[in-house]
Amino acid sequence: MKQALFILWPSFVVGGIGEVIFFTVFDPRELYLFGEPTSLSRLAVYSIGFFLCWAFAAASSAFTCFLQRGAGDVNR
């Protein structure tokens, strides 16, 4: 449980910051998916964007925790 908090909490903060930066530059109405404008509402695009940023940040944090393991943990 403690390991999950070490991964999910910082990635939540980074995901929020990433979303703010991304959507400061890009308007959700100007995003295209496979050459066509998205038919989703702005709230849906913001939500999907946040969860994608959070997932990428969580993957990065999980990889960092994976690489922090010592030789004793790996060789068990």
N, C-alpha and C. Protein backbone atom coordinates (compact mmCIF):
# COMPACT_ATOMS: atom_id res chain seq x y z
N MET A 1 0.82 -1.19 0.00
CA MET A 1 0.00 0.00 0.00
C MET A 1 0.87 1.26 0.00
N LYS A 2 1.94 1.23 0.78
CA LYS A 2 2.82 2.39 0.86
C LYS A 2 3.48 2.65 -0.49
N GLN A 3 3.85 1.57 -1.18
CA GLN A 3 4.48 1.71 -2.50
C GLN A 3 3.50 2.35 -3.49
N ALA A 4 2.22 1.97 -3.41
CA ALA A 4 1.22 2.55 -4.30
C ALA A 4 1.06 4.05 -4.05
N LEU A 5 1.13 4.46 -2.78
CA LEU A 5 1.05 5.89 -2.48
C LEU A 5 2.26 6.64 -3.00
N PHE A 6 3.42 6.00 -2.94
CA PHE A 6 4.63 6.63 -3.48
C PHE A 6 4.54 6.80 -4.99
N ILE A 7 3.76 5.99 -5.64
CA ILE A 7 3.61 6.07 -7.09
C ILE A 7 2.45 6.98 -7.48
N LEU A 8 1.29 6.80 -6.87
CA LEU A 8 0.08 7.47 -7.34
C LEU A 8 -0.04 8.94 -6.92
N TRP A 9 0.42 9.29 -5.72
CA TRP A 9 0.25 10.68 -5.29
C TRP A 9 1.10 11.64 -6.10
N PRO A 10 2.42 11.42 -6.25
CA PRO A 10 3.20 12.35 -7.08
C PRO A 10 2.74 12.37 -8.53
N SER A 11 2.33 11.21 -9.04
CA SER A 11 1.88 11.18 -10.43
C SER A 11 0.56 11.92 -10.61
N PHE A 12 -0.28 11.95 -9.58
CA PHE A 12 -1.51 12.73 -9.62
C PHE A 12 -1.19 14.22 -9.76
N VAL A 13 -0.23 14.69 -8.96
CA VAL A 13 0.16 16.10 -9.01
C VAL A 13 0.77 16.43 -10.37
N VAL A 14 1.66 15.58 -10.85
CA VAL A 14 2.30 15.81 -12.15
C VAL A 14 1.27 15.73 -13.28
N GLY A 15 0.31 14.81 -13.17
CA GLY A 15 -0.75 14.71 -14.18
C GLY A 15 -1.58 15.98 -14.24
N GLY A 16 -1.89 16.57 -13.08
CA GLY A 16 -2.64 17.82 -13.05
C GLY A 16 -1.86 18.97 -13.67
N ILE A 17 -0.57 19.04 -13.33
CA ILE A 17 0.27 20.10 -13.90
C ILE A 17 0.41 19.91 -15.41
N GLY A 18 0.61 18.68 -15.85
CA GLY A 18 0.73 18.40 -17.28
C GLY A 18 -0.53 18.77 -18.04
N GLU A 19 -1.68 18.48 -17.45
CA GLU A 19 -2.93 18.82 -18.12
C GLU A 19 -3.10 20.33 -18.23
N VAL A 20 -2.78 21.05 -17.17
CA VAL A 20 -2.90 22.51 -17.19
C VAL A 20 -2.00 23.09 -18.28
N ILE A 21 -0.77 22.61 -18.35
CA ILE A 21 0.16 23.12 -19.36
C ILE A 21 -0.32 22.78 -20.77
N PHE A 22 -0.76 21.53 -20.98
CA PHE A 22 -1.21 21.11 -22.31
C PHE A 22 -2.43 21.91 -22.76
N PHE A 23 -3.43 22.04 -21.89
CA PHE A 23 -4.66 22.71 -22.31
C PHE A 23 -4.57 24.23 -22.21
N THR A 24 -3.47 24.75 -21.69
CA THR A 24 -3.21 26.18 -21.82
C THR A 24 -2.80 26.50 -23.25
N VAL A 25 -2.12 25.57 -23.88
CA VAL A 25 -1.63 25.77 -25.24
C VAL A 25 -2.68 25.35 -26.28
N PHE A 26 -3.39 24.25 -26.03
CA PHE A 26 -4.34 23.69 -27.00
C PHE A 26 -5.76 23.78 -26.48
N ASP A 27 -6.68 24.15 -27.38
CA ASP A 27 -8.10 24.17 -27.07
C ASP A 27 -8.69 22.80 -27.41
N PRO A 28 -9.52 22.23 -26.52
CA PRO A 28 -10.11 20.90 -26.82
C PRO A 28 -10.92 20.87 -28.11
N ARG A 29 -11.50 21.98 -28.52
CA ARG A 29 -12.27 22.02 -29.76
C ARG A 29 -11.39 21.97 -31.00
N GLU A 30 -10.10 22.27 -30.85
CA GLU A 30 -9.18 22.25 -31.99
C GLU A 30 -8.45 20.92 -32.15
N LEU A 31 -8.72 19.97 -31.27
CA LEU A 31 -8.05 18.66 -31.36
C LEU A 31 -8.76 17.78 -32.38
N TYR A 32 -7.98 17.08 -33.17
CA TYR A 32 -8.51 16.19 -34.19
C TYR A 32 -8.09 14.76 -33.88
N LEU A 33 -9.00 13.82 -34.15
CA LEU A 33 -8.74 12.40 -33.94
C LEU A 33 -8.94 11.70 -35.29
N PHE A 34 -7.87 11.17 -35.84
CA PHE A 34 -7.89 10.49 -37.14
C PHE A 34 -8.39 11.43 -38.25
N GLY A 35 -7.99 12.71 -38.18
CA GLY A 35 -8.33 13.66 -39.22
C GLY A 35 -9.69 14.32 -39.10
N GLU A 36 -10.45 13.97 -38.07
CA GLU A 36 -11.77 14.57 -37.88
C GLU A 36 -11.84 15.21 -36.50
N PRO A 37 -12.61 16.29 -36.36
CA PRO A 37 -12.74 16.91 -35.04
C PRO A 37 -13.40 15.95 -34.05
N THR A 38 -12.99 16.03 -32.80
CA THR A 38 -13.59 15.16 -31.80
C THR A 38 -15.03 15.58 -31.53
N SER A 39 -15.88 14.62 -31.30
CA SER A 39 -17.29 14.91 -31.03
C SER A 39 -17.57 14.91 -29.52
N LEU A 40 -16.51 14.88 -28.72
CA LEU A 40 -16.67 14.85 -27.27
C LEU A 40 -16.80 16.27 -26.72
N SER A 41 -17.42 16.37 -25.57
CA SER A 41 -17.53 17.68 -24.92
C SER A 41 -16.16 18.09 -24.37
N ARG A 42 -16.04 19.36 -24.04
CA ARG A 42 -14.77 19.85 -23.48
C ARG A 42 -14.45 19.15 -22.17
N LEU A 43 -15.45 18.92 -21.33
CA LEU A 43 -15.23 18.25 -20.06
C LEU A 43 -14.69 16.84 -20.27
N ALA A 44 -15.24 16.14 -21.26
CA ALA A 44 -14.77 14.79 -21.55
C ALA A 44 -13.32 14.81 -22.04
N VAL A 45 -12.97 15.78 -22.87
CA VAL A 45 -11.60 15.88 -23.36
C VAL A 45 -10.65 16.22 -22.22
N TYR A 46 -11.06 17.13 -21.33
CA TYR A 46 -10.24 17.47 -20.17
C TYR A 46 -10.04 16.24 -19.27
N SER A 47 -11.11 15.48 -19.06
CA SER A 47 -11.02 14.29 -18.20
C SER A 47 -10.10 13.23 -18.80
N ILE A 48 -10.27 12.96 -20.08
CA ILE A 48 -9.42 11.98 -20.76
C ILE A 48 -7.97 12.44 -20.74
N GLY A 49 -7.76 13.73 -20.99
CA GLY A 49 -6.40 14.27 -20.96
C GLY A 49 -5.76 14.14 -19.59
N PHE A 50 -6.53 14.41 -18.53
CA PHE A 50 -5.98 14.27 -17.18
C PHE A 50 -5.60 12.82 -16.89
N PHE A 51 -6.49 11.89 -17.21
CA PHE A 51 -6.19 10.49 -16.91
C PHE A 51 -5.03 9.97 -17.73
N LEU A 52 -4.87 10.44 -18.96
CA LEU A 52 -3.71 10.04 -19.75
C LEU A 52 -2.41 10.60 -19.15
N CYS A 53 -2.44 11.87 -18.76
CA CYS A 53 -1.26 12.46 -18.10
C CYS A 53 -0.95 11.73 -16.80
N TRP A 54 -1.98 11.40 -16.04
CA TRP A 54 -1.78 10.70 -14.77
C TRP A 54 -1.21 9.30 -15.02
N ALA A 55 -1.71 8.62 -16.04
CA ALA A 55 -1.22 7.27 -16.35
C ALA A 55 0.25 7.30 -16.78
N PHE A 56 0.63 8.26 -17.61
CA PHE A 56 2.04 8.36 -18.03
C PHE A 56 2.93 8.69 -16.84
N ALA A 57 2.49 9.60 -15.98
CA ALA A 57 3.29 9.94 -14.81
C ALA A 57 3.37 8.77 -13.84
N ALA A 58 2.29 8.01 -13.68
CA ALA A 58 2.31 6.83 -12.81
C ALA A 58 3.24 5.76 -13.36
N ALA A 59 3.24 5.58 -14.66
CA ALA A 59 4.16 4.61 -15.27
C ALA A 59 5.61 5.02 -15.03
N SER A 60 5.88 6.30 -15.13
CA SER A 60 7.23 6.80 -14.87
C SER A 60 7.62 6.59 -13.41
N SER A 61 6.71 6.88 -12.49
CA SER A 61 7.00 6.68 -11.07
C SER A 61 7.17 5.20 -10.73
N ALA A 62 6.34 4.36 -11.33
CA ALA A 62 6.45 2.92 -11.08
C ALA A 62 7.78 2.38 -11.61
N PHE A 63 8.21 2.87 -12.74
CA PHE A 63 9.49 2.44 -13.30
C PHE A 63 10.64 2.89 -12.40
N THR A 64 10.54 4.09 -11.85
CA THR A 64 11.56 4.57 -10.92
C THR A 64 11.61 3.70 -9.68
N CYS A 65 10.45 3.35 -9.12
CA CYS A 65 10.43 2.46 -7.95
C CYS A 65 10.98 1.08 -8.28
N PHE A 66 10.71 0.62 -9.49
CA PHE A 66 11.24 -0.68 -9.92
C PHE A 66 12.76 -0.64 -9.98
N LEU A 67 13.31 0.45 -10.48
CA LEU A 67 14.77 0.57 -10.61
C LEU A 67 15.46 0.85 -9.28
N GLN A 68 14.73 1.25 -8.25
CA GLN A 68 15.31 1.52 -6.94
C GLN A 68 15.60 0.27 -6.14
N ARG A 69 15.11 -0.86 -6.57
CA ARG A 69 15.30 -2.08 -5.81
C ARG A 69 16.78 -2.43 -5.72
N GLY A 70 17.16 -2.91 -4.57
CA GLY A 70 18.54 -3.30 -4.36
C GLY A 70 18.82 -4.70 -4.87
N ALA A 71 20.08 -5.10 -4.79
CA ALA A 71 20.48 -6.43 -5.27
C ALA A 71 19.82 -7.53 -4.44
N GLY A 72 19.63 -7.30 -3.14
CA GLY A 72 18.99 -8.31 -2.29
C GLY A 72 17.55 -8.54 -2.67
N ASP A 73 16.84 -7.50 -3.07
CA ASP A 73 15.45 -7.64 -3.47
C ASP A 73 15.33 -8.35 -4.81
N VAL A 74 16.26 -8.10 -5.69
CA VAL A 74 16.21 -8.70 -7.03
C VAL A 74 16.57 -10.19 -6.98
N ASN A 75 17.54 -10.55 -6.15
CA ASN A 75 18.05 -11.92 -6.14
C ASN A 75 17.31 -12.84 -5.19
N ARG A 76 16.19 -12.43 -4.64
CA ARG A 76 15.41 -13.33 -3.76
C ARG A 76 14.72 -14.39 -4.53
